Amino acid sequence: MIYPVPNSLRCHRLTAKLLDRFAEENPSCAFSPASSQRLYMSIYKIWERQGEAAAEKFVREARLV
């Protein structure tokens, strides 16, 4: 199945939502700009390959390891 091109603004919002949740769960955790960009690209690639619902599911279910 071919999915539409990911909405970059929506990907940024999903990334911010994930980073905020991680910060709440572990206040001592800080993300560098490079790691934030990698998270954004992961979300973008998931959206690109599997669709928006899969990207949202990733953000909901992601855990810090």
C-alpha atoms as a PDB file:
ATOM      1  CA  MET A   1       0.000   0.000   0.000  1.00  0.00           C
ATOM      2  CA  ILE A   2       1.232   3.496  -0.802  1.00  0.00           C
ATOM      3  CA  TYR A   3       0.801   6.098   1.925  1.00  0.00           C
ATOM      4  CA  PRO A   4       0.687   9.856   1.384  1.00  0.00           C
ATOM      5  CA  VAL A   5       3.828  11.878   1.994  1.00  0.00           C
ATOM      6  CA  PRO A   6       4.177  12.450   5.749  1.00  0.00           C
ATOM      7  CA  ASN A   7       3.071  15.827   7.047  1.00  0.00           C
ATOM      8  CA  SER A   8       6.292  17.296   8.475  1.00  0.00           C
ATOM      9  CA  LEU A   9       4.452  19.627  10.884  1.00  0.00           C
ATOM     10  CA  ARG A  10       2.479  16.676  12.249  1.00  0.00           C
ATOM     11  CA  CYS A  11       5.712  14.657  12.583  1.00  0.00           C
ATOM     12  CA  HIS A  12       7.264  17.545  14.548  1.00  0.00           C
ATOM     13  CA  ARG A  13       4.222  17.626  16.836  1.00  0.00           C
ATOM     14  CA  LEU A  14       4.390  13.872  17.399  1.00  0.00           C
ATOM     15  CA  THR A  15       8.112  14.175  18.176  1.00  0.00           C
ATOM     16  CA  ALA A  16       7.453  16.999  20.660  1.00  0.00           C
ATOM     17  CA  LYS A  17       4.695  14.945  22.283  1.00  0.00           C
ATOM     18  CA  LEU A  18       7.047  11.987  22.674  1.00  0.00           C
ATOM     19  CA  LEU A  19       9.879  14.126  24.070  1.00  0.00           C
ATOM     20  CA  ASP A  20       7.484  15.761  26.553  1.00  0.00           C
ATOM     21  CA  ARG A  21       6.265  12.367  27.727  1.00  0.00           C
ATOM     22  CA  PHE A  22       9.831  11.102  28.128  1.00  0.00           C
ATOM     23  CA  ALA A  23      10.708  14.249  30.123  1.00  0.00           C
ATOM     24  CA  GLU A  24       7.721  13.654  32.422  1.00  0.00           C
ATOM     25  CA  GLU A  25       8.659  10.008  32.966  1.00  0.00           C
ATOM     26  CA  ASN A  26      12.324  10.797  33.623  1.00  0.00           C
ATOM     27  CA  PRO A  27      13.037  14.468  34.448  1.00  0.00           C
ATOM     28  CA  SER A  28      16.803  13.899  34.495  1.00  0.00           C
ATOM     29  CA  CYS A  29      16.749  12.778  30.863  1.00  0.00           C
ATOM     30  CA  ALA A  30      17.831  15.383  28.317  1.00  0.00           C
ATOM     31  CA  PHE A  31      17.808  14.957  24.558  1.00  0.00           C
ATOM     32  CA  SER A  32      20.434  16.535  22.348  1.00  0.00           C
ATOM     33  CA  PRO A  33      19.339  18.168  19.096  1.00  0.00           C
ATOM     34  CA  ALA A  34      20.858  15.209  17.227  1.00  0.00           C
ATOM     35  CA  SER A  35      18.884  12.624  19.196  1.00  0.00           C
ATOM     36  CA  SER A  36      15.700  14.674  18.796  1.00  0.00           C
ATOM     37  CA  GLN A  37      16.308  14.783  15.048  1.00  0.00           C
ATOM     38  CA  ARG A  38      16.804  10.999  14.992  1.00  0.00           C
ATOM     39  CA  LEU A  39      13.490  10.540  16.802  1.00  0.00           C
ATOM     40  CA  TYR A  40      11.818  12.849  14.283  1.00  0.00           C
ATOM     41  CA  MET A  41      13.287  10.879  11.375  1.00  0.00           C
ATOM     42  CA  SER A  42      12.152   7.603  12.947  1.00  0.00           C
ATOM     43  CA  ILE A  43       8.605   8.904  13.232  1.00  0.00           C
ATOM     44  CA  TYR A  44       8.775  10.295   9.681  1.00  0.00           C
ATOM     45  CA  LYS A  45      10.011   6.947   8.287  1.00  0.00           C
ATOM     46  CA  ILE A  46       7.332   4.984  10.152  1.00  0.00           C
ATOM     47  CA  TRP A  47       4.682   7.326   8.732  1.00  0.00           C
ATOM     48  CA  GLU A  48       6.194   7.048   5.257  1.00  0.00           C
ATOM     49  CA  ARG A  49       6.287   3.232   5.292  1.00  0.00           C
ATOM     50  CA  GLN A  50       3.285   2.289   7.440  1.00  0.00           C
ATOM     51  CA  GLY A  51       1.026   5.328   7.605  1.00  0.00           C
ATOM     52  CA  GLU A  52      -0.039   7.930  10.136  1.00  0.00           C
ATOM     53  CA  ALA A  53      -1.769   5.473  12.471  1.00  0.00           C
ATOM     54  CA  ALA A  54       1.456   3.469  12.877  1.00  0.00           C
ATOM     55  CA  ALA A  55       3.433   6.646  13.649  1.00  0.00           C
ATOM     56  CA  GLU A  56       0.885   7.668  16.285  1.00  0.00           C
ATOM     57  CA  LYS A  57       0.983   4.156  17.764  1.00  0.00           C
ATOM     58  CA  PHE A  58       4.791   4.358  17.946  1.00  0.00           C
ATOM     59  CA  VAL A  59       4.561   7.636  19.880  1.00  0.00           C
ATOM     60  CA  ARG A  60       1.935   6.184  22.247  1.00  0.00           C
ATOM     61  CA  GLU A  61       3.826   2.968  22.947  1.00  0.00           C
ATOM     62  CA  ALA A  62       7.493   4.062  22.838  1.00  0.00           C
ATOM     63  CA  ARG A  63       9.495   3.525  26.012  1.00  0.00           C
ATOM     64  CA  LEU A  64      12.892   4.752  27.146  1.00  0.00           C
ATOM     65  CA  VAL A  65      15.375   1.919  27.500  1.00  0.00           C
END
